[in-house]
Amino acid sequence: MTETERASGFGGSRIILTLYAVVVAIAGLMGAVIGSMGLRDLEAVSFLGLVTFQPTPLGLAAFGVSTIGTFLGVLLVLVVFVSRRYA
């Protein structure tokens, strides 16, 4: 970490984690919006075949957060692993 990054408080990992949190929050918000529209043809959705979410605002928000959070989190962990191993 350079002196500039320490002084400003913004390192690369802090920015990436903030963006990750923002994207996951947006996914939850969009799930809640879709669930609150009250569409009649929505069916329950399953996450990895383990958990089933009902098409309610809370259920679809939880589905969006868990789906995006898991898949982006796995990609983020892989990028960190590769960058530390092969840098």
Protein backbone atom coordinates (compact mmCIF):
# COMPACT_ATOMS: atom_id res chain seq x y z
CA MET A 1 0.00 0.00 0.00
CA THR A 2 1.43 3.37 -0.92
CA GLU A 3 1.48 6.49 1.24
CA THR A 4 -1.22 8.08 -0.93
CA GLU A 5 -3.57 5.12 -0.41
CA ARG A 6 -2.97 5.17 3.35
CA ALA A 7 -3.57 8.90 3.56
CA SER A 8 -6.75 8.91 1.51
CA GLY A 9 -8.16 5.71 3.04
CA PHE A 10 -9.18 4.32 -0.36
CA GLY A 11 -7.31 1.21 -1.34
CA GLY A 12 -8.18 -0.99 -4.29
CA SER A 13 -9.74 -3.69 -2.13
CA ARG A 14 -11.93 -1.20 -0.26
CA ILE A 15 -13.30 0.18 -3.54
CA ILE A 16 -13.98 -3.31 -4.92
CA LEU A 17 -15.77 -4.39 -1.74
CA THR A 18 -17.85 -1.21 -1.79
CA LEU A 19 -18.82 -1.85 -5.41
CA TYR A 20 -19.65 -5.45 -4.51
CA ALA A 21 -21.95 -4.28 -1.71
CA VAL A 22 -23.62 -1.71 -3.98
CA VAL A 23 -24.27 -4.27 -6.73
CA VAL A 24 -25.70 -6.79 -4.23
CA ALA A 25 -27.92 -4.09 -2.71
CA ILE A 26 -29.19 -3.09 -6.16
CA ALA A 27 -30.00 -6.74 -6.89
CA GLY A 28 -32.01 -6.91 -3.67
CA LEU A 29 -33.80 -3.67 -4.46
CA MET A 30 -34.70 -4.83 -7.96
CA GLY A 31 -35.96 -8.14 -6.57
CA ALA A 32 -38.18 -6.26 -4.14
CA VAL A 33 -39.48 -4.01 -6.93
CA ILE A 34 -40.32 -6.98 -9.15
CA GLY A 35 -41.98 -8.77 -6.24
CA SER A 36 -44.04 -5.72 -5.30
CA MET A 37 -45.46 -5.36 -8.80
CA GLY A 38 -47.78 -8.25 -8.02
CA LEU A 39 -47.42 -10.07 -11.32
CA ARG A 40 -49.76 -13.04 -11.40
CA ASP A 41 -47.68 -15.47 -13.42
CA LEU A 42 -44.63 -15.50 -11.14
CA GLU A 43 -43.65 -18.87 -9.73
CA ALA A 44 -41.43 -19.76 -6.81
CA VAL A 45 -37.72 -19.69 -7.67
CA SER A 46 -35.06 -22.03 -6.36
CA PHE A 47 -31.48 -21.09 -5.49
CA LEU A 48 -29.06 -23.92 -6.34
CA GLY A 49 -31.86 -26.39 -5.68
CA LEU A 50 -31.46 -25.85 -1.94
CA VAL A 51 -33.73 -22.95 -1.03
CA THR A 52 -37.04 -21.98 -2.62
CA PHE A 53 -38.10 -18.35 -2.59
CA GLN A 54 -41.72 -17.32 -3.00
CA PRO A 55 -42.55 -14.47 -5.41
CA THR A 56 -43.08 -11.88 -2.69
CA PRO A 57 -41.06 -8.66 -2.40
CA LEU A 58 -39.01 -10.10 0.47
CA GLY A 59 -38.57 -13.48 -1.23
CA LEU A 60 -37.40 -12.05 -4.54
CA ALA A 61 -35.12 -9.55 -2.78
CA ALA A 62 -33.53 -12.41 -0.85
CA PHE A 63 -33.19 -14.42 -4.05
CA GLY A 64 -31.49 -11.51 -5.83
CA VAL A 65 -29.10 -10.86 -2.95
CA SER A 66 -28.20 -14.53 -2.52
CA THR A 67 -27.75 -15.19 -6.24
CA ILE A 68 -25.72 -12.11 -7.11
CA GLY A 69 -23.85 -12.20 -3.81
CA THR A 70 -22.82 -15.81 -4.25
CA PHE A 71 -21.77 -15.67 -7.88
CA LEU A 72 -19.99 -12.32 -7.67
CA GLY A 73 -18.43 -13.40 -4.38
CA VAL A 74 -17.03 -16.57 -5.95
CA LEU A 75 -15.60 -14.54 -8.82
CA LEU A 76 -14.11 -12.03 -6.40
CA VAL A 77 -12.46 -14.77 -4.34
CA LEU A 78 -11.03 -16.33 -7.50
CA VAL A 79 -9.61 -12.99 -8.65
CA VAL A 80 -8.02 -12.40 -5.23
CA PHE A 81 -6.56 -15.92 -5.21
CA VAL A 82 -5.09 -15.61 -8.70
CA SER A 83 -3.76 -12.09 -8.12
CA ARG A 84 -1.97 -13.12 -4.93
CA ARG A 85 -0.60 -16.32 -6.37
CA TYR A 86 0.60 -15.08 -9.76
CA ALA A 87 1.35 -11.38 -9.15
